[in-house]
Amino acid sequence: MKGANLWAKGCLWLLKWIGGISIKFDGKRHLPKSGPYLIAAKHQSEVDGIAILATIPNVATIAMQELGRYPVIGRLMKKMQMILVDSDGGVKSQNSLTIRADKAVSSRRPILIYPEGRLVPVGEKSNYKSGIYHLYDDFSLPVVPVATNIGLRWPQRKFRKQPGTATIEFLPPILPGLEKQEFMELLSTRVESRSNELAGLTSVGKELSYV
């Protein structure tokens, strides 16, 4: 994990000096002093996970199990004890997520999860999957929502990048104890509202549903 953290910092350095893209981290005061806790982030770009790894060295990332089949990346992710799960949802997937997250929680590691389960362009939103709630409820952990506008600078799967400053903002944590409906609505509203504000959009559109 120390090597991965250095690699991530190196990626951000190259991003700045070659691509002209600087990433500003706001709200780091909202991160708990120690783990375990959950980080529920907006996922707009291939680089946002690298950026979070650069600033939270021991983070365990929840990712698609398909990545574990890649010869190099898969071995590295397993070596770092990342949490690889089926992103299709369902009871079986939720149980698998809880079982695999237990080791990270026992090791007091922060856990990064993308509640939408996929990359989403700036200004758009997808259904928030309830896996985040089950982790929040099963382990009684605080959840730090994360908003971003990084997709303005590095659009998902786009070769062309836009120089400038992007922001990743850690928002006030949601403490344990909420019921599912209240939690999911609060999380999606915080993340979507602030992400749209960072992107210069004035409306978040219709309310998100969750699956």
Protein backbone atom coordinates (compact mmCIF):
# COMPACT_ATOMS: atom_id res chain seq x y z
CA MET A 1 0.00 0.00 0.00
CA LYS A 2 2.93 2.35 0.60
CA GLY A 3 4.10 1.68 -2.95
CA ALA A 4 0.59 2.24 -4.31
CA ASN A 5 0.34 5.54 -2.44
CA LEU A 6 3.66 6.73 -3.91
CA TRP A 7 2.56 5.60 -7.38
CA ALA A 8 -0.70 7.56 -7.02
CA LYS A 9 1.15 10.68 -5.92
CA GLY A 10 3.45 10.27 -8.92
CA CYS A 11 0.42 10.04 -11.23
CA LEU A 12 -0.93 13.32 -9.86
CA TRP A 13 2.47 14.95 -10.33
CA LEU A 14 2.57 13.82 -13.97
CA LEU A 15 -1.04 14.91 -14.44
CA LYS A 16 -0.09 18.41 -13.31
CA TRP A 17 3.19 18.83 -15.19
CA ILE A 18 2.27 17.05 -18.41
CA GLY A 19 -1.50 17.43 -18.58
CA GLY A 20 -1.79 20.79 -16.83
CA ILE A 21 -4.45 19.43 -14.45
CA SER A 22 -4.16 20.20 -10.73
CA ILE A 23 -6.38 18.50 -8.17
CA LYS A 24 -7.45 20.42 -5.06
CA PHE A 25 -8.62 18.50 -2.00
CA ASP A 26 -11.16 20.31 0.17
CA GLY A 27 -12.80 19.24 3.42
CA LYS A 28 -10.07 16.88 4.61
CA ARG A 29 -10.98 18.02 8.14
CA HIS A 30 -14.13 15.90 7.76
CA LEU A 31 -12.13 12.67 7.51
CA PRO A 32 -12.06 10.71 10.79
CA LYS A 33 -8.66 10.67 12.46
CA SER A 34 -8.50 6.88 12.11
CA GLY A 35 -10.42 4.04 10.48
CA PRO A 36 -12.50 2.24 9.82
CA TYR A 37 -14.97 4.47 7.98
CA LEU A 38 -16.68 4.55 4.58
CA ILE A 39 -15.97 6.98 1.74
CA ALA A 40 -18.90 7.28 -0.69
CA ALA A 41 -17.63 9.09 -3.77
CA LYS A 42 -18.95 10.45 -7.03
CA HIS A 43 -17.20 8.61 -9.90
CA GLN A 44 -16.67 10.85 -12.94
CA SER A 45 -13.24 9.83 -14.18
CA GLU A 46 -10.61 7.11 -14.20
CA VAL A 47 -8.37 9.39 -12.14
CA ASP A 48 -10.59 10.11 -9.12
CA GLY A 49 -9.80 6.79 -7.44
CA ILE A 50 -6.08 7.40 -7.95
CA ALA A 51 -6.47 10.84 -6.37
CA ILE A 52 -8.17 9.43 -3.27
CA LEU A 53 -5.48 6.74 -2.96
CA ALA A 54 -2.87 9.51 -3.09
CA THR A 55 -4.40 11.35 -0.13
CA ILE A 56 -5.67 8.38 1.96
CA PRO A 57 -2.74 5.92 1.91
CA ASN A 58 -4.38 2.81 3.41
CA VAL A 59 -7.74 2.97 1.64
CA ALA A 60 -9.38 -0.30 0.57
CA THR A 61 -11.29 0.23 -2.66
CA ILE A 62 -14.43 -1.66 -3.64
CA ALA A 63 -14.18 -2.50 -7.34
CA MET A 64 -15.69 -4.76 -9.97
CA GLN A 65 -14.60 -8.38 -9.63
CA GLU A 66 -13.77 -8.40 -13.36
CA LEU A 67 -10.65 -6.34 -12.55
CA GLY A 68 -9.34 -9.29 -10.55
CA ARG A 69 -9.04 -11.28 -13.78
CA TYR A 70 -6.56 -8.87 -15.37
CA PRO A 71 -3.06 -10.43 -15.20
CA VAL A 72 -1.17 -7.50 -13.61
CA ILE A 73 -3.84 -5.21 -12.17
CA GLY A 74 -5.74 -8.16 -10.72
CA ARG A 75 -2.72 -9.52 -8.86
CA LEU A 76 -1.86 -6.10 -7.49
CA MET A 77 -5.42 -5.43 -6.30
CA LYS A 78 -5.55 -8.79 -4.54
CA LYS A 79 -2.12 -8.18 -3.01
CA MET A 80 -3.39 -4.85 -1.64
CA GLN A 81 -6.53 -6.64 -0.35
CA MET A 82 -8.91 -4.51 -2.36
CA ILE A 83 -12.56 -5.60 -2.23
CA LEU A 84 -13.65 -7.14 -5.54
CA VAL A 85 -17.38 -7.79 -5.88
CA ASP A 86 -20.14 -8.37 -8.41
CA SER A 87 -21.49 -4.90 -9.30
CA ASP A 88 -24.89 -6.21 -10.47
CA GLY A 89 -26.34 -6.06 -6.96
CA GLY A 90 -28.76 -8.49 -5.36
CA VAL A 91 -28.73 -10.37 -2.05
CA LYS A 92 -25.84 -12.64 -3.02
CA SER A 93 -23.71 -9.66 -4.04
CA GLN A 94 -24.58 -7.79 -0.83
CA ASN A 95 -23.61 -10.75 1.34
CA SER A 96 -20.34 -11.14 -0.56
CA LEU A 97 -19.62 -7.43 -0.12
CA THR A 98 -20.16 -7.61 3.64
CA ILE A 99 -17.98 -10.71 4.02
CA ARG A 100 -15.11 -9.26 1.99
CA ALA A 101 -15.33 -5.85 3.66
CA ASP A 102 -15.09 -7.43 7.10
CA LYS A 103 -11.33 -7.93 6.78
CA ALA A 104 -10.77 -4.27 5.92
CA VAL A 105 -12.97 -3.19 8.83
CA SER A 106 -11.07 -5.52 11.19
CA SER A 107 -7.81 -3.98 9.95
CA ARG A 108 -9.28 -0.50 10.62
CA ARG A 109 -8.89 0.60 7.01
CA PRO A 110 -11.04 3.29 5.34
CA ILE A 111 -13.19 1.78 2.57
CA LEU A 112 -13.85 3.61 -0.71
CA ILE A 113 -17.09 2.79 -2.52
CA TYR A 114 -18.79 4.33 -5.55
CA PRO A 115 -22.52 4.10 -4.74
CA GLU A 116 -23.56 4.46 -8.38
CA GLY A 117 -21.36 1.50 -9.32
CA ARG A 118 -20.06 3.04 -12.54
CA LEU A 119 -18.56 6.11 -14.17
CA VAL A 120 -21.10 8.91 -14.61
CA PRO A 121 -20.56 12.04 -16.77
CA VAL A 122 -20.63 15.51 -15.21
CA GLY A 123 -24.19 16.68 -14.58
CA GLU A 124 -25.65 13.17 -14.83
CA LYS A 125 -26.58 10.72 -12.12
CA SER A 126 -27.32 7.03 -11.84
CA ASN A 127 -29.24 4.95 -9.32
CA TYR A 128 -27.48 4.69 -5.98
CA LYS A 129 -27.05 1.02 -5.12
CA SER A 130 -27.92 0.01 -1.59
CA GLY A 131 -24.62 -1.82 -0.94
CA ILE A 132 -23.36 1.36 0.71
CA TYR A 133 -26.27 1.27 3.17
CA HIS A 134 -25.65 -2.37 4.09
CA LEU A 135 -22.01 -1.61 4.93
CA TYR A 136 -23.07 1.49 6.89
CA ASP A 137 -25.69 -0.51 8.80
CA ASP A 138 -23.86 -3.84 9.24
CA PHE A 139 -20.67 -2.27 10.59
CA SER A 140 -22.14 0.91 12.17
CA LEU A 141 -19.59 3.08 10.37
CA PRO A 142 -19.66 6.81 9.55
CA VAL A 143 -19.90 7.62 5.86
CA VAL A 144 -17.94 10.52 4.33
CA PRO A 145 -19.68 11.67 1.10
CA VAL A 146 -17.33 12.90 -1.64
CA ALA A 147 -18.27 15.39 -4.35
CA THR A 148 -16.14 16.27 -7.37
CA ASN A 149 -15.99 18.08 -10.69
CA ILE A 150 -12.99 16.17 -11.98
CA GLY A 151 -14.93 15.03 -15.03
CA LEU A 152 -14.62 18.57 -16.41
CA ARG A 153 -10.86 18.07 -16.71
CA TRP A 154 -10.63 14.33 -17.38
CA PRO A 155 -13.90 13.17 -18.96
CA GLN A 156 -14.58 9.45 -18.62
CA ARG A 157 -12.76 7.37 -21.23
CA LYS A 158 -11.87 10.48 -23.27
CA PHE A 159 -8.37 10.87 -24.71
CA ARG A 160 -8.53 14.66 -24.74
CA LYS A 161 -8.04 16.34 -21.35
CA GLN A 162 -8.80 19.93 -20.29
CA PRO A 163 -6.06 21.77 -18.33
CA GLY A 164 -7.11 23.55 -15.15
CA THR A 165 -7.96 22.83 -11.53
CA ALA A 166 -10.35 20.09 -10.43
CA THR A 167 -11.76 19.64 -6.93
CA ILE A 168 -12.36 16.60 -4.78
CA GLU A 169 -14.33 17.63 -1.69
CA PHE A 170 -14.88 15.54 1.43
CA LEU A 171 -18.24 16.47 2.96
CA PRO A 172 -19.38 16.22 6.62
CA PRO A 173 -19.80 12.56 7.61
CA ILE A 174 -23.16 10.84 7.97
CA LEU A 175 -23.13 9.18 11.37
CA PRO A 176 -24.52 5.66 12.01
CA GLY A 177 -28.14 5.12 12.98
CA LEU A 178 -30.28 6.27 10.06
CA GLU A 179 -32.90 4.12 8.38
CA LYS A 180 -32.33 3.08 4.76
CA GLN A 181 -34.63 5.58 3.04
CA GLU A 182 -33.37 8.54 5.02
CA PHE A 183 -29.73 7.53 4.60
CA MET A 184 -29.92 6.96 0.84
CA GLU A 185 -31.74 10.23 0.22
CA LEU A 186 -29.33 12.20 2.40
CA LEU A 187 -26.25 10.67 0.78
CA SER A 188 -27.42 11.15 -2.81
CA THR A 189 -28.62 14.71 -2.18
CA ARG A 190 -25.33 15.76 -0.58
CA VAL A 191 -23.11 14.21 -3.23
CA GLU A 192 -25.17 15.26 -6.25
CA SER A 193 -25.91 18.79 -5.05
CA ARG A 194 -22.30 19.61 -4.23
CA SER A 195 -20.90 17.91 -7.35
CA ASN A 196 -23.21 20.00 -9.51
CA GLU A 197 -22.24 23.16 -7.63
CA LEU A 198 -18.55 22.40 -8.19
CA ALA A 199 -19.27 21.89 -11.89
CA GLY A 200 -21.09 25.23 -12.09
CA LEU A 201 -24.52 23.68 -12.57
CA THR A 202 -27.49 25.27 -10.82
CA SER A 203 -29.87 22.31 -10.59
CA VAL A 204 -29.52 18.67 -9.60
CA GLY A 205 -32.65 17.68 -11.51
CA LYS A 206 -34.97 14.96 -10.30
CA GLU A 207 -34.44 13.00 -7.11
CA LEU A 208 -32.31 9.87 -7.37
CA SER A 209 -33.81 6.50 -6.77
CA TYR A 210 -31.80 3.58 -5.42
CA VAL A 211 -31.66 -0.13 -6.13
